[in-house]
Protein backbone atom coordinates (compact mmCIF):
# COMPACT_ATOMS: atom_id res chain seq x y z
CA MET A 1 64.38 41.80 -19.70
CA HIS A 2 64.24 42.11 -23.46
CA ILE A 3 62.98 40.37 -26.58
CA VAL A 4 64.91 39.32 -29.66
CA ASP A 5 62.84 39.04 -32.83
CA SER A 6 62.98 35.92 -35.02
CA CYS A 7 65.36 37.61 -37.45
CA GLY A 8 67.87 38.18 -34.64
CA TRP A 9 67.76 34.60 -33.44
CA LEU A 10 68.16 33.37 -37.01
CA GLU A 11 71.08 35.72 -37.70
CA TRP A 12 72.85 34.51 -34.58
CA LEU A 13 72.05 30.82 -34.95
CA THR A 14 73.13 30.71 -38.60
CA ASP A 15 76.12 33.06 -38.22
CA GLY A 16 74.51 35.62 -40.51
CA ASP A 17 75.88 39.07 -41.33
CA LEU A 18 74.35 40.56 -38.16
CA ALA A 19 75.28 37.69 -35.82
CA GLU A 20 77.85 39.70 -33.87
CA ARG A 21 75.35 42.49 -33.26
CA TYR A 22 72.88 40.05 -31.76
CA GLU A 23 75.41 38.02 -29.77
CA GLN A 24 75.45 40.26 -26.71
CA CYS A 25 71.67 40.42 -26.33
CA LEU A 26 71.37 36.63 -26.77
CA ALA A 27 74.18 35.60 -24.44
CA GLU A 28 72.12 35.69 -21.23
CA VAL A 29 69.03 33.63 -22.01
CA ASP A 30 67.65 34.21 -18.52
CA GLN A 31 67.20 37.89 -19.46
CA ILE A 32 65.19 37.16 -22.62
CA LEU A 33 61.44 37.02 -23.01
CA LEU A 34 60.56 34.65 -25.84
CA PRO A 35 57.20 35.12 -27.56
CA GLY A 36 55.85 31.71 -28.56
CA VAL A 37 55.49 32.88 -32.16
CA VAL A 38 59.26 33.56 -32.31
CA LEU A 39 59.91 29.97 -31.27
CA TYR A 40 57.54 28.84 -34.03
CA GLU A 41 59.18 30.97 -36.73
CA VAL A 42 62.75 30.03 -35.82
CA TYR A 43 61.99 26.30 -35.58
CA LYS A 44 60.11 26.32 -38.89
CA ILE A 45 62.85 28.15 -40.79
CA LEU A 46 65.72 26.18 -39.27
CA LYS A 47 64.00 22.85 -39.91
CA ARG A 48 63.45 23.81 -43.54
CA GLU A 49 66.95 25.23 -44.06
CA VAL A 50 69.29 23.09 -41.92
CA GLY A 51 67.23 20.12 -40.74
CA GLU A 52 65.18 18.96 -37.80
CA GLU A 53 68.06 18.00 -35.50
CA LYS A 54 69.63 21.47 -35.63
CA ALA A 55 66.22 23.10 -35.29
CA ILE A 56 65.52 21.08 -32.15
CA LEU A 57 68.93 21.91 -30.67
CA ALA A 58 68.48 25.61 -31.36
CA THR A 59 64.97 25.79 -29.94
CA SER A 60 66.07 23.83 -26.87
CA TYR A 61 68.54 26.63 -26.17
CA MET A 62 65.90 29.26 -26.87
CA LYS A 63 63.47 27.65 -24.41
CA GLN A 64 65.87 28.45 -21.56
CA SER A 65 64.40 31.95 -21.90
CA THR A 66 61.04 32.88 -20.41
CA VAL A 67 58.54 31.71 -23.03
CA ILE A 68 55.50 33.98 -23.32
CA PRO A 69 52.47 32.09 -24.66
CA LEU A 70 49.69 33.69 -26.67
CA ASP A 71 46.66 34.23 -24.46
CA ASP A 72 43.40 36.08 -25.04
CA TYR A 73 44.69 39.43 -23.80
CA LEU A 74 47.86 39.27 -25.91
CA ALA A 75 45.87 38.16 -28.99
CA ILE A 76 43.54 41.15 -28.79
CA LYS A 77 46.40 43.56 -28.07
CA ALA A 78 48.30 42.15 -31.08
CA ALA A 79 45.25 42.62 -33.31
CA ASP A 80 44.98 46.27 -32.22
CA ILE A 81 48.71 46.78 -32.85
CA ALA A 82 48.44 45.16 -36.29
CA LEU A 83 45.69 47.61 -37.21
CA LEU A 84 47.49 50.60 -35.71
CA TYR A 85 50.93 50.00 -37.24
CA GLY A 86 50.07 47.83 -40.26
CA LEU A 87 52.10 44.89 -38.93
CA ALA A 88 51.69 41.27 -39.99
CA MET A 89 50.20 38.89 -37.42
CA ALA A 90 53.48 37.43 -36.10
CA ASP A 91 55.15 40.85 -35.92
CA ALA A 92 52.13 42.25 -34.07
CA MET A 93 52.30 39.38 -31.56
CA VAL A 94 55.98 40.02 -30.91
CA TYR A 95 55.48 43.77 -30.57
CA ALA A 96 52.44 43.32 -28.30
CA THR A 97 54.57 41.10 -26.06
CA ALA A 98 57.22 43.81 -25.88
CA GLN A 99 54.61 46.41 -24.98
CA MET A 100 52.95 44.19 -22.36
CA HIS A 101 56.26 43.60 -20.61
CA GLU A 102 57.76 47.04 -21.30
CA ALA A 103 60.67 45.23 -22.90
CA THR A 104 63.09 46.43 -25.53
CA LEU A 105 62.68 44.55 -28.81
CA TYR A 106 65.95 43.89 -30.68
CA THR A 107 65.32 43.49 -34.40
CA SER A 108 66.56 44.12 -37.91
CA ASP A 109 63.10 43.63 -39.43
CA ALA A 110 62.34 46.86 -41.29
CA ASP A 111 58.65 46.58 -40.41
CA PHE A 112 59.54 47.62 -36.84
CA LYS A 113 61.93 50.44 -37.69
CA GLY A 114 61.07 53.66 -35.88
CA LEU A 115 58.51 52.20 -33.45
CA PRO A 116 58.82 52.79 -29.69
CA LEU A 117 60.62 50.05 -27.69
CA ILE A 118 62.72 49.05 -30.72
CA GLN A 119 66.48 48.65 -30.64
CA TRP A 120 67.38 48.68 -34.32
CA MET A 121 70.13 46.21 -35.21
CA GLY A 122 70.23 46.60 -39.01
CA ASP A 123 71.96 48.87 -41.51
CA ASN A 124 75.52 50.19 -41.74
CA LEU A 125 77.31 46.87 -42.07
CA THR A 126 80.97 47.05 -42.94
CA THR A 127 81.91 43.92 -44.83
């Protein structure tokens, strides 16, 4: 099981520069843990950028993954992680979910670079 950060979902869903890098880790939705905050971020951005219909279609696909809701334990763990690593709230929630489930987090968000459990997907693009 693994987690794909919001940036990875958005790259793949919008055919961004890193879409091919994320394709393999997004192909098997039954192997993905989906923090609820990632669903929120992706829906919000897609609705704003490409419209509600496409946002709904995309998040319907995403919800085939195992959605991990925010509960009291995860909220407190995320707060501790935010303080420890200086992460924003949403990033801390995603990272706390990865830690709780001992899951690899695939991301190209520079705020995560160098942290344990991270599979870095950015940099070194040949275009």
